Amino acid sequence: MSTKKSDVVQIKNPKSGKYVKIDRSKGKIISHKKSEGPYKGVPVARKKKK
């Protein structure tokens, strides 16, 4: 039951200012970072262009 690396992304929580890891395939938050800065080796999700 392992997820592919491409299914996991990170985004910045605007309220707390910390980064959150999200599993795209399940649509759930995996973990949130307590320290400052982004996770290493995890792609940052970008807004889709229309």
N, C-alpha and C. Protein backbone atom coordinates (compact mmCIF):
# COMPACT_ATOMS: atom_id res chain seq x y z
N MET A 1 0.83 -1.20 0.00
CA MET A 1 0.00 0.00 0.00
C MET A 1 0.87 1.25 0.00
N SER A 2 1.71 1.39 -0.98
CA SER A 2 2.55 2.57 -1.08
C SER A 2 2.03 3.49 -2.18
N THR A 3 2.20 4.79 -1.98
CA THR A 3 1.76 5.75 -2.97
C THR A 3 2.93 6.16 -3.84
N LYS A 4 2.64 6.50 -5.07
CA LYS A 4 3.68 6.96 -5.99
C LYS A 4 4.12 8.35 -5.55
N LYS A 5 5.37 8.67 -5.84
CA LYS A 5 5.88 10.00 -5.47
C LYS A 5 5.12 11.10 -6.19
N SER A 6 4.64 10.82 -7.41
CA SER A 6 3.95 11.86 -8.17
C SER A 6 2.57 12.18 -7.59
N ASP A 7 2.02 11.28 -6.77
CA ASP A 7 0.71 11.50 -6.17
C ASP A 7 0.78 12.37 -4.91
N VAL A 8 1.98 12.62 -4.40
CA VAL A 8 2.13 13.40 -3.18
C VAL A 8 2.70 14.77 -3.54
N VAL A 9 1.98 15.82 -3.12
CA VAL A 9 2.42 17.19 -3.36
C VAL A 9 2.32 17.97 -2.06
N GLN A 10 2.88 19.17 -2.06
CA GLN A 10 2.78 20.03 -0.88
C GLN A 10 2.24 21.39 -1.27
N ILE A 11 1.50 21.98 -0.36
CA ILE A 11 1.02 23.34 -0.56
C ILE A 11 1.21 24.10 0.75
N LYS A 12 1.21 25.41 0.65
CA LYS A 12 1.37 26.24 1.84
C LYS A 12 -0.01 26.60 2.38
N ASN A 13 -0.20 26.37 3.66
CA ASN A 13 -1.45 26.72 4.32
C ASN A 13 -1.46 28.23 4.55
N PRO A 14 -2.41 28.95 3.96
CA PRO A 14 -2.40 30.41 4.09
C PRO A 14 -2.65 30.91 5.51
N LYS A 15 -3.37 30.14 6.32
CA LYS A 15 -3.65 30.60 7.69
C LYS A 15 -2.45 30.43 8.61
N SER A 16 -1.82 29.24 8.57
CA SER A 16 -0.71 28.99 9.48
C SER A 16 0.64 29.38 8.89
N GLY A 17 0.73 29.42 7.54
CA GLY A 17 1.98 29.74 6.90
C GLY A 17 2.93 28.56 6.82
N LYS A 18 2.48 27.38 7.21
CA LYS A 18 3.29 26.16 7.17
C LYS A 18 2.89 25.31 5.96
N TYR A 19 3.75 24.35 5.61
CA TYR A 19 3.48 23.48 4.47
C TYR A 19 2.74 22.22 4.90
N VAL A 20 1.88 21.72 3.99
CA VAL A 20 1.06 20.54 4.23
C VAL A 20 1.29 19.58 3.08
N LYS A 21 1.47 18.28 3.39
CA LYS A 21 1.63 17.26 2.36
C LYS A 21 0.27 16.65 2.07
N ILE A 22 -0.08 16.54 0.76
CA ILE A 22 -1.38 16.02 0.35
C ILE A 22 -1.19 14.85 -0.61
N ASP A 23 -1.97 13.78 -0.40
CA ASP A 23 -2.00 12.64 -1.31
C ASP A 23 -3.09 12.92 -2.33
N ARG A 24 -2.71 13.18 -3.57
CA ARG A 24 -3.68 13.54 -4.61
C ARG A 24 -4.65 12.41 -4.92
N SER A 25 -4.16 11.16 -4.95
CA SER A 25 -5.02 10.04 -5.34
C SER A 25 -6.14 9.81 -4.33
N LYS A 26 -5.85 10.01 -3.05
CA LYS A 26 -6.87 9.83 -2.01
C LYS A 26 -7.58 11.13 -1.67
N GLY A 27 -6.95 12.25 -1.99
CA GLY A 27 -7.53 13.55 -1.67
C GLY A 27 -7.48 13.87 -0.20
N LYS A 28 -6.45 13.36 0.49
CA LYS A 28 -6.36 13.57 1.94
C LYS A 28 -5.01 14.19 2.32
N ILE A 29 -5.02 14.89 3.44
CA ILE A 29 -3.80 15.46 3.99
C ILE A 29 -3.03 14.35 4.69
N ILE A 30 -1.76 14.20 4.33
CA ILE A 30 -0.92 13.16 4.93
C ILE A 30 -0.29 13.68 6.22
N SER A 31 0.36 14.86 6.12
CA SER A 31 1.02 15.41 7.29
C SER A 31 1.18 16.92 7.13
N HIS A 32 1.48 17.56 8.24
CA HIS A 32 1.76 18.99 8.19
C HIS A 32 3.10 19.23 8.87
N LYS A 33 3.79 20.24 8.41
CA LYS A 33 5.14 20.52 8.89
C LYS A 33 5.08 21.49 10.08
N LYS A 34 5.81 21.16 11.11
CA LYS A 34 5.82 22.02 12.30
C LYS A 34 6.87 23.12 12.18
N SER A 35 7.97 22.83 11.48
CA SER A 35 9.02 23.84 11.33
C SER A 35 8.79 24.66 10.06
N GLU A 36 9.57 25.70 9.90
CA GLU A 36 9.44 26.60 8.75
C GLU A 36 10.01 25.96 7.49
N GLY A 37 9.53 26.42 6.34
CA GLY A 37 10.07 25.99 5.06
C GLY A 37 9.37 24.78 4.49
N PRO A 38 9.60 24.53 3.20
CA PRO A 38 8.94 23.41 2.52
C PRO A 38 9.63 22.08 2.79
N TYR A 39 8.93 20.98 2.47
CA TYR A 39 9.51 19.65 2.55
C TYR A 39 10.55 19.51 1.45
N LYS A 40 11.59 18.73 1.69
CA LYS A 40 12.61 18.48 0.67
C LYS A 40 12.17 17.31 -0.18
N GLY A 41 12.32 17.44 -1.50
CA GLY A 41 12.03 16.35 -2.41
C GLY A 41 10.56 16.13 -2.72
N VAL A 42 9.69 17.02 -2.25
CA VAL A 42 8.26 16.91 -2.53
C VAL A 42 7.86 18.10 -3.40
N PRO A 43 7.24 17.84 -4.57
CA PRO A 43 6.88 18.96 -5.46
C PRO A 43 5.80 19.85 -4.86
N VAL A 44 5.92 21.14 -5.14
CA VAL A 44 4.93 22.12 -4.69
C VAL A 44 3.82 22.20 -5.73
N ALA A 45 2.58 22.04 -5.31
CA ALA A 45 1.45 22.11 -6.22
C ALA A 45 1.26 23.54 -6.69
N ARG A 46 1.03 23.72 -7.96
CA ARG A 46 0.80 25.03 -8.54
C ARG A 46 -0.66 25.14 -8.99
N LYS A 47 -1.16 26.35 -9.09
CA LYS A 47 -2.51 26.55 -9.60
C LYS A 47 -2.54 26.24 -11.08
N LYS A 48 -3.63 25.60 -11.53
CA LYS A 48 -3.77 25.27 -12.94
C LYS A 48 -4.10 26.51 -13.74
N LYS A 49 -3.49 26.62 -14.90
CA LYS A 49 -3.82 27.74 -15.79
C LYS A 49 -5.04 27.37 -16.60
N LYS A 50 -5.92 28.34 -16.80
CA LYS A 50 -7.15 28.06 -17.55
C LYS A 50 -6.95 28.17 -19.04
